[in-house]
Protein backbone atom coordinates (compact mmCIF):
# COMPACT_ATOMS: atom_id res chain seq x y z
CA MET A 1 -72.36 62.80 -8.06
CA PRO A 2 -72.24 60.50 -4.89
CA TYR A 3 -70.52 56.94 -5.16
CA LEU A 4 -70.51 53.90 -3.20
CA ILE A 5 -67.00 51.83 -4.20
CA GLN A 6 -68.32 48.38 -2.98
CA ASN A 7 -66.39 44.87 -1.69
CA ALA A 8 -63.07 46.44 -3.58
CA THR A 9 -59.32 45.61 -2.14
CA VAL A 10 -57.92 48.89 -1.00
CA ILE A 11 -54.11 50.15 -0.08
CA THR A 12 -55.20 53.11 2.15
CA MET A 13 -52.24 54.38 3.15
CA ASP A 14 -53.49 55.08 6.16
CA PRO A 15 -51.71 55.04 9.79
CA VAL A 16 -53.32 51.73 10.61
CA SER A 17 -53.39 49.68 7.62
CA GLY A 18 -50.48 51.24 5.09
CA SER A 19 -50.08 49.76 2.47
CA ASP A 20 -51.14 46.61 3.44
CA PRO A 21 -54.19 45.23 0.80
CA VAL A 22 -57.64 44.82 2.88
CA ARG A 23 -61.18 45.23 1.78
CA ARG A 24 -62.97 48.01 2.21
CA ASP A 25 -66.45 49.74 1.19
CA ILE A 26 -65.48 53.63 0.35
CA ARG A 27 -68.19 56.36 0.18
CA ILE A 28 -67.71 59.64 -2.09
CA VAL A 29 -69.69 62.52 -1.63
CA ASP A 30 -68.90 66.15 -4.04
CA ASP A 31 -65.00 65.79 -3.42
CA VAL A 32 -64.63 64.02 -0.92
CA ILE A 33 -64.18 60.40 1.24
CA GLU A 34 -67.37 60.67 3.49
CA SER A 35 -66.53 57.34 4.82
CA ILE A 36 -64.45 54.02 4.65
CA ALA A 37 -65.02 50.78 6.24
CA PRO A 38 -65.13 47.22 5.80
CA THR A 39 -69.00 47.38 4.98
CA LEU A 40 -71.36 50.62 3.68
CA GLU A 41 -75.09 50.09 2.50
CA PRO A 42 -76.35 52.12 0.16
CA VAL A 43 -77.89 55.30 0.18
CA ALA A 44 -80.22 57.37 -1.88
CA GLY A 45 -78.69 58.45 -5.07
CA ASP A 46 -75.34 56.42 -4.69
CA THR A 47 -73.45 55.48 -7.98
CA VAL A 48 -72.50 51.86 -7.01
CA ILE A 49 -69.13 50.81 -8.21
CA ASN A 50 -68.54 47.26 -7.88
CA GLY A 51 -65.24 46.87 -6.61
CA THR A 52 -65.17 42.54 -6.53
CA ASP A 53 -61.82 41.88 -8.58
CA LYS A 54 -60.84 45.43 -8.26
CA LEU A 55 -57.67 47.13 -6.49
CA VAL A 56 -58.49 50.80 -5.36
CA ILE A 57 -55.09 52.96 -4.36
CA PRO A 58 -54.77 56.62 -3.84
CA GLY A 59 -53.65 58.89 -6.73
CA LEU A 60 -50.20 58.89 -7.42
CA VAL A 61 -48.44 61.76 -7.10
CA ASN A 62 -45.57 63.36 -9.50
CA ALA A 63 -43.40 65.05 -7.00
CA HIS A 64 -41.18 66.62 -9.63
CA THR A 65 -41.66 66.97 -13.10
CA HIS A 66 -42.04 69.71 -16.07
CA SER A 67 -44.41 69.37 -18.46
CA TRP A 68 -42.78 72.09 -20.40
CA GLU A 69 -40.55 69.11 -21.75
CA ALA A 70 -43.47 67.35 -23.41
CA LEU A 71 -42.66 68.96 -26.89
CA TYR A 72 -39.33 67.45 -26.10
CA LYS A 73 -39.96 63.63 -25.81
CA GLY A 74 -37.66 61.28 -27.21
CA ARG A 75 -35.43 64.02 -28.40
CA TYR A 76 -32.03 63.55 -26.61
CA ASP A 77 -29.98 60.41 -25.61
CA ASN A 78 -26.80 60.28 -24.00
CA LEU A 79 -25.88 63.37 -22.25
CA PRO A 80 -25.44 64.53 -19.00
CA LEU A 81 -27.27 66.90 -17.32
CA GLU A 82 -25.11 70.33 -18.39
CA LEU A 83 -25.27 69.34 -21.89
CA TRP A 84 -28.42 68.13 -22.02
CA MET A 85 -29.45 71.48 -20.60
CA ALA A 86 -26.95 73.05 -23.16
CA LEU A 87 -29.24 72.14 -26.00
CA CYS A 88 -32.65 72.35 -24.35
CA TYR A 89 -32.27 75.60 -22.94
CA PRO A 90 -32.22 78.53 -25.23
CA ILE A 91 -29.31 80.18 -23.77
CA LEU A 92 -28.46 82.87 -26.48
CA GLY A 93 -31.93 84.96 -25.77
CA ASN A 94 -35.66 84.73 -26.51
CA SER A 95 -37.48 81.66 -27.40
CA ARG A 96 -40.90 82.50 -26.37
CA VAL A 97 -43.55 79.82 -26.13
CA GLU A 98 -46.94 81.51 -26.72
CA PRO A 99 -49.65 80.44 -24.19
CA ASP A 100 -51.83 78.45 -27.25
CA LEU A 101 -49.08 76.07 -27.65
CA ILE A 102 -48.40 75.78 -23.56
CA ALA A 103 -51.85 74.77 -23.49
CA LEU A 104 -51.70 72.22 -25.54
CA ARG A 105 -48.86 70.71 -24.24
CA SER A 106 -50.36 71.03 -21.11
CA LYS A 107 -53.11 69.57 -21.83
CA LEU A 108 -51.08 66.17 -23.20
CA PHE A 109 -49.31 65.67 -20.27
CA ALA A 110 -52.16 66.07 -18.04
CA ILE A 111 -53.76 63.46 -20.51
CA GLU A 112 -51.12 60.87 -20.10
CA SER A 113 -50.19 61.55 -16.27
CA LEU A 114 -54.00 60.67 -15.60
CA LYS A 115 -54.26 57.59 -17.99
CA SER A 116 -51.13 56.46 -16.41
CA GLY A 117 -53.06 56.72 -12.52
CA VAL A 118 -50.77 60.30 -11.39
CA THR A 119 -53.60 62.50 -9.84
CA THR A 120 -51.37 65.51 -8.84
CA LEU A 121 -48.72 66.63 -10.73
CA VAL A 122 -45.37 69.12 -9.28
CA ASP A 123 -45.19 70.97 -12.26
CA ASP A 124 -42.09 72.86 -12.61
CA VAL A 125 -42.98 75.02 -15.44
CA LEU A 126 -39.76 76.93 -16.97
CA GLU A 127 -40.36 79.59 -19.93
CA ASN A 128 -37.02 80.59 -20.82
CA PRO A 129 -36.00 83.33 -21.23
CA ASP A 130 -38.92 84.49 -18.48
CA GLN A 131 -42.19 83.45 -17.81
CA ASP A 132 -44.96 86.15 -17.90
CA PHE A 133 -48.20 85.93 -16.42
CA GLU A 134 -50.13 85.51 -19.53
CA GLN A 135 -48.33 81.97 -19.92
CA LEU A 136 -48.60 80.71 -16.44
CA THR A 137 -52.50 81.12 -16.87
CA ALA A 138 -52.16 78.76 -19.89
CA VAL A 139 -51.09 76.00 -17.67
CA PHE A 140 -53.86 77.06 -15.03
CA ASP A 141 -56.26 76.97 -17.85
CA ALA A 142 -55.68 73.79 -19.01
CA TYR A 143 -55.36 71.66 -16.46
CA ASP A 144 -58.55 73.23 -14.90
CA GLU A 145 -59.78 71.82 -18.20
CA VAL A 146 -58.22 68.39 -18.22
CA GLY A 147 -59.29 67.82 -14.14
CA VAL A 148 -55.76 67.28 -12.94
CA ARG A 149 -54.30 68.40 -9.53
CA ALA A 150 -51.43 70.23 -9.02
CA ASN A 151 -49.01 72.76 -7.72
CA ILE A 152 -47.88 74.63 -11.40
CA SER A 153 -44.63 76.75 -10.74
CA GLY A 154 -43.31 79.97 -11.63
CA HIS A 155 -39.39 79.18 -12.05
CA ILE A 156 -36.91 81.51 -12.69
CA ILE A 157 -33.42 81.31 -13.67
CA SER A 158 -31.78 85.33 -12.20
CA LYS A 159 -28.66 84.78 -13.49
CA PRO A 160 -26.34 84.43 -16.64
CA PHE A 161 -26.95 80.81 -17.37
CA THR A 162 -23.37 80.06 -18.03
CA ASP A 163 -22.78 82.14 -14.96
CA THR A 164 -24.23 79.05 -12.90
CA LEU A 165 -21.43 76.41 -13.83
CA PRO A 166 -17.99 76.03 -12.37
CA PHE A 167 -15.12 76.64 -14.78
CA MET A 168 -16.62 78.59 -17.50
CA ASP A 169 -14.30 81.63 -17.36
CA GLU A 170 -11.57 78.90 -18.84
CA TYR A 171 -13.26 77.30 -21.52
CA LEU A 172 -16.11 79.78 -23.19
CA PRO A 173 -14.67 82.25 -25.88
CA PRO A 174 -14.85 85.65 -24.65
CA ALA A 175 -17.42 86.81 -27.11
CA VAL A 176 -19.88 83.95 -26.18
CA ALA A 177 -19.62 84.95 -22.64
CA ALA A 178 -20.39 88.91 -23.48
CA GLN A 179 -23.06 87.55 -25.52
CA VAL A 180 -25.02 85.57 -22.70
CA ARG A 181 -24.45 88.53 -20.28
CA THR A 182 -25.84 91.45 -22.18
CA LEU A 183 -28.81 88.98 -22.46
CA THR A 184 -31.57 90.12 -19.78
CA VAL A 185 -32.21 88.13 -16.90
CA PRO A 186 -35.92 88.74 -14.43
CA THR A 187 -35.09 90.76 -11.62
CA ALA A 188 -35.65 89.68 -7.75
CA ALA A 189 -38.41 92.10 -7.80
CA GLU A 190 -40.72 91.26 -11.03
CA TYR A 191 -40.17 87.49 -10.15
CA LEU A 192 -41.66 87.99 -6.57
CA ALA A 193 -44.14 90.42 -7.95
CA LEU A 194 -45.41 87.90 -10.80
CA SER A 195 -45.84 85.26 -7.87
CA ARG A 196 -47.65 87.02 -5.43
CA ARG A 197 -50.21 88.21 -8.06
CA ALA A 198 -50.20 84.69 -8.79
CA PHE A 199 -50.98 83.17 -5.13
CA GLU A 200 -53.64 85.93 -5.25
CA THR A 201 -55.81 85.48 -8.37
CA LEU A 202 -54.54 81.94 -9.95
CA ASP A 203 -53.68 79.79 -6.22
CA GLY A 204 -56.98 77.83 -5.68
CA ARG A 205 -58.59 77.39 -8.99
CA GLY A 206 -60.43 74.22 -9.73
CA ASP A 207 -61.72 74.60 -6.20
CA GLY A 208 -58.62 74.08 -4.53
CA ARG A 209 -56.96 71.55 -7.25
CA LEU A 210 -54.24 73.81 -8.27
CA ARG A 211 -52.47 75.72 -6.64
CA TYR A 212 -49.27 77.80 -7.41
CA MET A 213 -45.64 77.40 -5.75
CA VAL A 214 -42.62 79.15 -6.21
CA ALA A 215 -39.26 77.18 -7.76
CA PRO A 216 -36.34 79.31 -8.02
CA SER A 217 -34.09 76.93 -10.55
CA ALA A 218 -31.53 76.40 -7.96
CA PRO A 219 -29.26 78.07 -5.96
CA GLN A 220 -26.76 78.67 -7.91
CA ARG A 221 -28.98 79.91 -10.88
CA CYS A 222 -30.27 82.54 -8.71
CA GLY A 223 -29.47 85.16 -6.06
CA GLU A 224 -30.24 85.45 -2.66
CA ASP A 225 -33.05 87.72 -2.83
CA VAL A 226 -34.77 85.46 -5.12
CA LEU A 227 -34.20 82.25 -2.91
CA VAL A 228 -35.02 85.18 0.67
CA GLY A 229 -37.83 86.24 -1.16
CA ALA A 230 -39.86 82.69 -2.41
CA THR A 231 -39.01 81.83 0.79
CA ALA A 232 -41.05 84.57 2.69
CA LEU A 233 -43.88 83.90 -0.01
CA ALA A 234 -44.03 79.83 0.41
CA LYS A 235 -44.17 80.64 4.11
CA GLU A 236 -46.90 83.31 3.98
CA PHE A 237 -49.05 81.37 1.61
CA ASP A 238 -48.37 77.86 3.19
CA ALA A 239 -47.41 76.53 -0.26
CA GLU A 240 -44.52 74.35 -1.57
CA PHE A 241 -40.42 76.06 -2.53
CA HIS A 242 -39.26 73.90 -5.18
CA ILE A 243 -35.97 74.10 -6.00
CA HIS A 244 -33.20 71.36 -7.84
CA VAL A 245 -30.46 70.77 -5.60
CA LEU A 246 -27.40 68.73 -6.16
CA GLU A 247 -28.77 66.53 -9.04
CA THR A 248 -25.09 66.10 -10.63
CA LYS A 249 -21.70 66.24 -9.01
CA THR A 250 -21.14 69.18 -11.05
CA GLN A 251 -23.58 70.96 -8.93
CA LEU A 252 -21.29 69.72 -5.54
CA VAL A 253 -18.21 71.45 -7.46
CA THR A 254 -20.34 74.21 -7.87
CA GLY A 255 -20.98 74.73 -4.18
CA THR A 256 -17.43 74.60 -3.73
CA GLU A 257 -16.42 76.60 -6.20
CA LYS A 258 -18.39 79.71 -5.89
CA TYR A 259 -19.83 79.69 -2.42
CA GLY A 260 -16.90 77.87 -0.59
CA GLN A 261 -19.24 75.59 1.44
CA SER A 262 -22.28 73.13 0.45
CA LEU A 263 -25.15 74.36 -1.15
CA VAL A 264 -27.47 72.95 0.73
CA ARG A 265 -25.44 74.76 4.26
CA TYR A 266 -26.00 78.15 1.88
CA LEU A 267 -29.83 77.87 1.71
CA SER A 268 -29.83 77.32 5.32
CA GLY A 269 -27.61 79.80 6.26
CA ILE A 270 -29.98 82.53 4.39
CA GLY A 271 -33.27 80.88 6.09
CA ALA A 272 -33.87 79.24 2.37
CA LEU A 273 -34.06 75.26 4.09
CA VAL A 274 -37.62 75.23 5.74
CA ARG A 275 -40.38 72.72 6.37
CA ASN A 276 -42.49 73.74 3.04
CA THR A 277 -39.06 72.97 1.11
CA THR A 278 -38.53 70.24 -1.73
CA PHE A 279 -35.20 69.48 -2.64
CA ALA A 280 -35.64 68.15 -6.45
CA HIS A 281 -33.26 65.47 -6.92
CA GLY A 282 -30.70 65.64 -3.89
CA ILE A 283 -28.64 62.69 -5.17
CA TRP A 284 -24.84 64.52 -3.61
CA LEU A 285 -25.98 65.20 -0.36
CA THR A 286 -23.20 64.44 1.87
CA PRO A 287 -24.11 63.05 5.52
CA GLU A 288 -24.01 66.84 6.84
CA ASP A 289 -26.26 67.84 4.24
CA ILE A 290 -28.70 65.41 4.89
CA GLU A 291 -28.63 65.93 8.66
CA MET A 292 -29.99 69.86 7.48
CA VAL A 293 -32.35 68.68 5.58
CA ALA A 294 -33.62 66.23 8.11
CA ASP A 295 -33.33 68.71 10.61
CA ALA A 296 -35.54 71.58 8.68
CA GLY A 297 -38.45 68.75 8.22
CA ALA A 298 -37.91 69.24 4.21
CA SER A 299 -38.51 67.26 1.43
CA VAL A 300 -36.43 65.35 -1.22
CA SER A 301 -38.20 64.68 -4.85
CA HIS A 302 -36.23 60.72 -6.09
CA ASN A 303 -36.29 60.93 -9.53
CA PRO A 304 -34.50 57.88 -10.49
CA ILE A 305 -35.21 56.90 -14.32
CA SER A 306 -34.15 60.64 -14.92
CA ASN A 307 -31.02 60.39 -12.92
CA MET A 308 -29.79 57.35 -14.56
CA LYS A 309 -30.75 58.49 -18.36
CA LEU A 310 -29.02 61.57 -17.58
CA GLY A 311 -25.80 59.70 -15.98
CA SER A 312 -26.32 61.98 -12.98
CA GLY A 313 -25.64 59.43 -10.15
CA ILE A 314 -27.34 57.09 -7.41
CA ALA A 315 -29.36 59.27 -4.39
CA PRO A 316 -29.07 58.04 -0.87
CA TRP A 317 -31.89 56.45 -0.58
CA ARG A 318 -31.62 54.56 2.35
CA GLU A 319 -29.22 57.54 4.13
CA LEU A 320 -32.11 59.54 3.83
CA LEU A 321 -35.02 57.69 4.75
CA ASN A 322 -32.75 56.66 8.12
CA ALA A 323 -32.11 60.38 8.59
CA GLY A 324 -36.16 61.21 8.62
CA VAL A 325 -36.03 62.88 5.64
CA ASN A 326 -39.77 62.88 3.65
CA LEU A 327 -39.20 61.41 -0.29
CA GLY A 328 -41.41 61.60 -3.28
CA LEU A 329 -40.90 60.17 -6.40
CA GLY A 330 -40.74 62.10 -9.38
CA THR A 331 -40.65 61.05 -13.35
CA ASP A 332 -38.81 64.57 -13.70
CA GLY A 333 -39.26 66.07 -17.77
CA CYS A 334 -40.17 64.25 -20.97
CA SER A 335 -36.81 64.56 -22.24
CA SER A 336 -34.92 63.36 -19.48
CA SER A 337 -37.45 60.37 -18.54
CA ASP A 338 -39.36 60.49 -21.75
CA SER A 339 -42.44 59.57 -20.09
CA PRO A 340 -44.58 60.94 -17.03
CA ARG A 341 -46.00 57.47 -15.91
CA LEU A 342 -44.87 57.23 -12.43
CA LEU A 343 -45.55 53.29 -11.94
CA ASP A 344 -42.17 53.33 -14.12
CA VAL A 345 -40.28 55.26 -11.04
CA ILE A 346 -42.05 53.33 -8.79
CA LYS A 347 -40.58 50.33 -9.70
CA ALA A 348 -37.03 51.53 -10.81
CA THR A 349 -37.11 53.18 -7.15
CA ALA A 350 -37.53 49.56 -6.15
CA LEU A 351 -35.16 48.10 -7.98
CA LEU A 352 -32.13 50.93 -8.16
CA HIS A 353 -31.13 50.76 -4.77
CA LYS A 354 -31.22 46.85 -4.45
CA VAL A 355 -27.85 47.21 -6.18
CA THR A 356 -26.17 49.92 -4.01
CA GLU A 357 -25.03 47.62 -1.06
CA PRO A 358 -25.35 43.61 -0.47
CA ASP A 359 -27.12 44.38 2.79
CA PHE A 360 -30.63 43.27 2.10
CA THR A 361 -32.00 44.75 4.97
CA ALA A 362 -31.66 47.67 3.48
CA TRP A 363 -32.90 47.58 0.51
CA PRO A 364 -36.48 49.58 -0.20
CA THR A 365 -39.52 47.70 1.07
CA VAL A 366 -42.54 47.80 -0.97
CA GLY A 367 -44.62 50.27 1.39
CA GLU A 368 -41.58 52.76 1.61
CA VAL A 369 -42.00 53.01 -2.13
CA LEU A 370 -45.56 53.22 -2.24
CA HIS A 371 -45.49 55.94 0.82
CA ALA A 372 -43.11 58.00 -1.00
CA ALA A 373 -45.59 57.55 -4.61
CA THR A 374 -48.75 58.93 -2.36
CA LEU A 375 -48.12 60.25 1.24
CA GLY A 376 -44.61 61.20 0.74
CA GLY A 377 -45.14 63.41 -2.36
CA ALA A 378 -48.33 65.27 -0.87
CA ARG A 379 -46.28 65.94 1.90
CA SER A 380 -43.55 67.54 -0.14
CA ALA A 381 -46.14 69.36 -1.93
CA VAL A 382 -47.50 70.71 1.35
CA ARG A 383 -50.69 68.79 0.50
CA GLU A 384 -50.75 65.99 3.29
CA ALA A 385 -53.76 67.13 5.18
CA THR A 386 -55.72 66.17 1.68
CA ILE A 387 -54.38 63.92 -0.61
CA GLY A 388 -51.82 60.90 -0.22
CA SER A 389 -54.03 58.51 1.52
CA LEU A 390 -57.87 56.99 1.40
CA GLU A 391 -59.47 58.57 4.80
CA ALA A 392 -62.51 60.22 5.52
CA GLY A 393 -62.83 63.74 4.85
CA LYS A 394 -59.32 63.63 2.26
CA GLN A 395 -59.98 64.10 -1.47
CA ALA A 396 -61.34 61.51 -3.50
CA ASP A 397 -58.56 61.61 -5.85
CA LEU A 398 -58.28 57.20 -6.22
CA VAL A 399 -57.25 54.81 -9.38
CA ILE A 400 -59.23 51.55 -9.82
CA PHE A 401 -57.26 48.50 -10.98
CA ASP A 402 -58.82 45.72 -12.50
CA LEU A 403 -57.11 42.80 -11.03
CA GLU A 404 -58.57 40.56 -14.03
CA THR A 405 -55.32 40.99 -15.97
CA LEU A 406 -52.07 39.68 -16.87
CA ALA A 407 -50.08 41.60 -14.25
CA PHE A 408 -52.36 40.33 -11.63
CA THR A 409 -52.20 36.59 -12.43
CA PRO A 410 -51.93 34.58 -10.42
CA ARG A 411 -52.96 37.06 -7.50
CA GLN A 412 -50.37 36.51 -5.37
CA LYS A 413 -49.23 39.51 -3.21
CA LEU A 414 -51.10 42.69 -4.73
CA ASP A 415 -48.84 45.64 -3.20
CA VAL A 416 -45.91 43.46 -4.69
CA GLN A 417 -47.32 43.24 -7.73
CA LEU A 418 -48.23 46.85 -7.86
CA VAL A 419 -44.63 47.94 -7.79
CA TYR A 420 -43.35 45.33 -9.90
CA SER A 421 -45.90 44.02 -11.96
CA GLU A 422 -48.22 46.32 -13.14
CA ASN A 423 -47.53 49.11 -15.51
CA GLY A 424 -50.64 51.02 -15.79
CA SER A 425 -52.04 48.79 -18.39
CA SER A 426 -55.24 47.65 -15.52
CA ILE A 427 -56.04 50.67 -14.80
CA GLU A 428 -60.16 51.21 -15.11
CA THR A 429 -60.89 53.88 -13.53
CA VAL A 430 -59.14 57.14 -12.41
CA MET A 431 -60.79 59.65 -10.27
CA VAL A 432 -59.77 63.42 -8.99
CA ALA A 433 -61.79 65.19 -6.43
CA GLY A 434 -64.81 63.15 -6.98
CA ARG A 435 -65.03 63.06 -10.32
CA ILE A 436 -64.32 60.10 -12.70
CA VAL A 437 -61.87 61.76 -15.01
CA VAL A 438 -60.35 58.41 -16.63
CA ASP A 439 -63.38 55.43 -17.36
CA HIS A 440 -61.92 52.13 -19.21
CA GLY A 441 -58.59 54.06 -20.91
CA THR A 442 -60.68 57.13 -22.10
CA ILE A 443 -60.10 60.39 -20.99
CA THR A 444 -63.60 62.18 -19.72
CA THR A 445 -63.00 65.74 -19.88
CA ILE A 446 -61.57 66.70 -23.31
CA ASP A 447 -61.34 65.35 -26.59
CA GLU A 448 -57.67 63.55 -26.55
CA ALA A 449 -57.89 62.77 -29.95
CA ALA A 450 -58.47 66.63 -31.05
CA VAL A 451 -55.70 67.64 -28.88
CA ARG A 452 -52.90 64.90 -30.50
CA ALA A 453 -54.25 66.25 -33.88
CA GLU A 454 -53.81 69.51 -33.27
CA LEU A 455 -50.36 68.82 -32.36
CA GLY A 456 -49.64 66.77 -35.52
CA GLU A 457 -51.13 69.73 -37.32
CA ARG A 458 -47.86 71.88 -35.53
CA LEU A 459 -45.28 69.05 -35.64
CA VAL A 460 -43.25 70.71 -38.39
CA GLU A 461 -43.24 73.91 -36.94
CA LEU A 462 -42.49 72.99 -33.69
CA ARG A 463 -39.50 70.20 -35.01
CA ALA A 464 -38.03 73.34 -36.90
CA TRP A 465 -38.43 75.87 -34.25
CA GLN A 466 -36.19 72.84 -31.74
CA ASP A 467 -33.58 72.46 -34.81
CA ARG A 468 -33.06 76.18 -35.04
CA LEU A 469 -32.26 75.99 -31.08
CA ASP A 470 -29.99 73.06 -31.37
CA ALA A 471 -27.82 75.11 -33.98
CA ALA A 472 -27.52 77.82 -31.74
CA ASN A 473 -26.15 76.08 -28.51
CA SER A 474 -23.81 73.83 -30.64
CA VAL A 475 -21.29 76.59 -29.43
CA PHE A 476 -21.74 75.54 -26.07
CA ALA A 477 -20.74 71.75 -26.64
CA ALA A 478 -17.14 71.99 -26.53
CA PRO A 479 -16.64 74.32 -23.61
CA PHE A 480 -19.78 72.42 -21.69
CA THR A 481 -17.85 69.20 -22.35
CA GLN A 482 -14.44 70.10 -20.77
CA MET A 483 -16.13 72.01 -18.22
CA TYR A 484 -18.19 68.34 -17.46
CA GLN A 485 -15.19 66.86 -17.53
CA ARG A 486 -13.00 68.68 -15.27
CA ALA A 487 -16.14 68.90 -12.39
CA MET A 488 -16.13 64.71 -12.95
CA ASN A 489 -12.60 64.36 -12.13
CA THR A 490 -12.43 66.73 -9.27
CA PRO A 491 -11.99 65.31 -5.78
CA SER A 492 -14.85 64.78 -3.82
CA GLN A 493 -15.57 63.44 0.01
CA ILE A 494 -18.57 61.34 -1.78
CA HIS A 495 -19.37 59.16 -3.93
CA ARG A 496 -22.89 58.47 -6.19
CA PHE A 497 -21.82 56.75 -9.27
CA SER A 498 -22.18 52.85 -9.73
CA GLY A 499 -19.35 52.28 -11.72
CA HIS A 500 -15.15 53.25 -10.94
CA THR A 501 -14.88 56.59 -8.70
CA HIS A 502 -13.58 59.77 -10.66
CA ALA A 503 -11.15 60.63 -7.82
């Protein structure tokens, strides 16, 4: 159905207007923006949307998230990453999630994301102990039904989990270490075969909305054969290579302890740092690391709310931008930040880096933050040619805000109010690929109440399963705490905490 949005205030994020609000009309035909101009006349067949008192922006891109954590929302607090993982990850064995539950959690996550203005997800889907094709397909099916755009991963950890952390031989009871090492981990051949099958059969579903991406969990969690093979596939299929890098100081220490060098230098040395590479987090990057990332044309997805909740540190926002590194914004998962609302992340990004230094000229600008939430995320997802800005020829992914709300009263600088005042409550319409998927707060593609009701029916079973995992993983609490404390007290050349230094 063709649409014509008339007389709207628009943040285009195009090369001319950038984040400055301008008066525009937008014609949408099929799934693309046919034209955008100060004035467009209706033609036969147009459905006219009155843009008076409306703000239209590109759909937001969540450049790093984990839909699998949707079932863990609100479960944990006051745990650093490594101790949080000791609960969320079933380290001691199989905890297979069936495809029907995967589909349910994916639908819930997509619904909440769309209703908050996120039209594209970079979803790093983790299954334990391994992901099979049926599980992966369930995510594609769910997202296709709901109508979101997404990069969907095969996520792999190809080493025994406790071997991915420093000092564990000293702190982990030998019997527990032996038990962990007896468990089967996926091989490089298995993962690369799954990924090739996904590229050949799932990639491009939903008229191109849904893409497969490779996602080795982290350099210290995967063998070199996985990292090199995944990079080759990403380049072959022009897809995203998504990987967690230097989220915590523990991971900084891991590079030195296990590789004798920076994890970034290790990735660069094996050819796994390329333009398609996106680092999730990238907090503990050294100046030399940042230079390597910039030289490779790679991206970093910044996740400030998750980083604050897990106490991981503060990413070097200004240093990354000054070096020319492309930045996207991510929510991370709903257990480490408890919401897929990217507008929360946008505000947190704008605020967090104002307290890292007194030089106000180095603080994030509204334009920089909005760029990261749209075009920056699109670039990290290897989709910048089709999404991220409102321009003729690009996909019609957009969000319409009602300006007759308290968030925009009194109307001042709308871009500033979007970043600091709006929390999603003013969203009126969300469109993906020219299709209205949210209309006045209601998802149009699926029965949200039925999806939530189904989860409610399974909640007792779900909580019992999670309680069993917590109990099984309790054996790791003490050794992981010792490892974490030692890593925090290990001297390092950089400091990414806001408070006192830890050596």
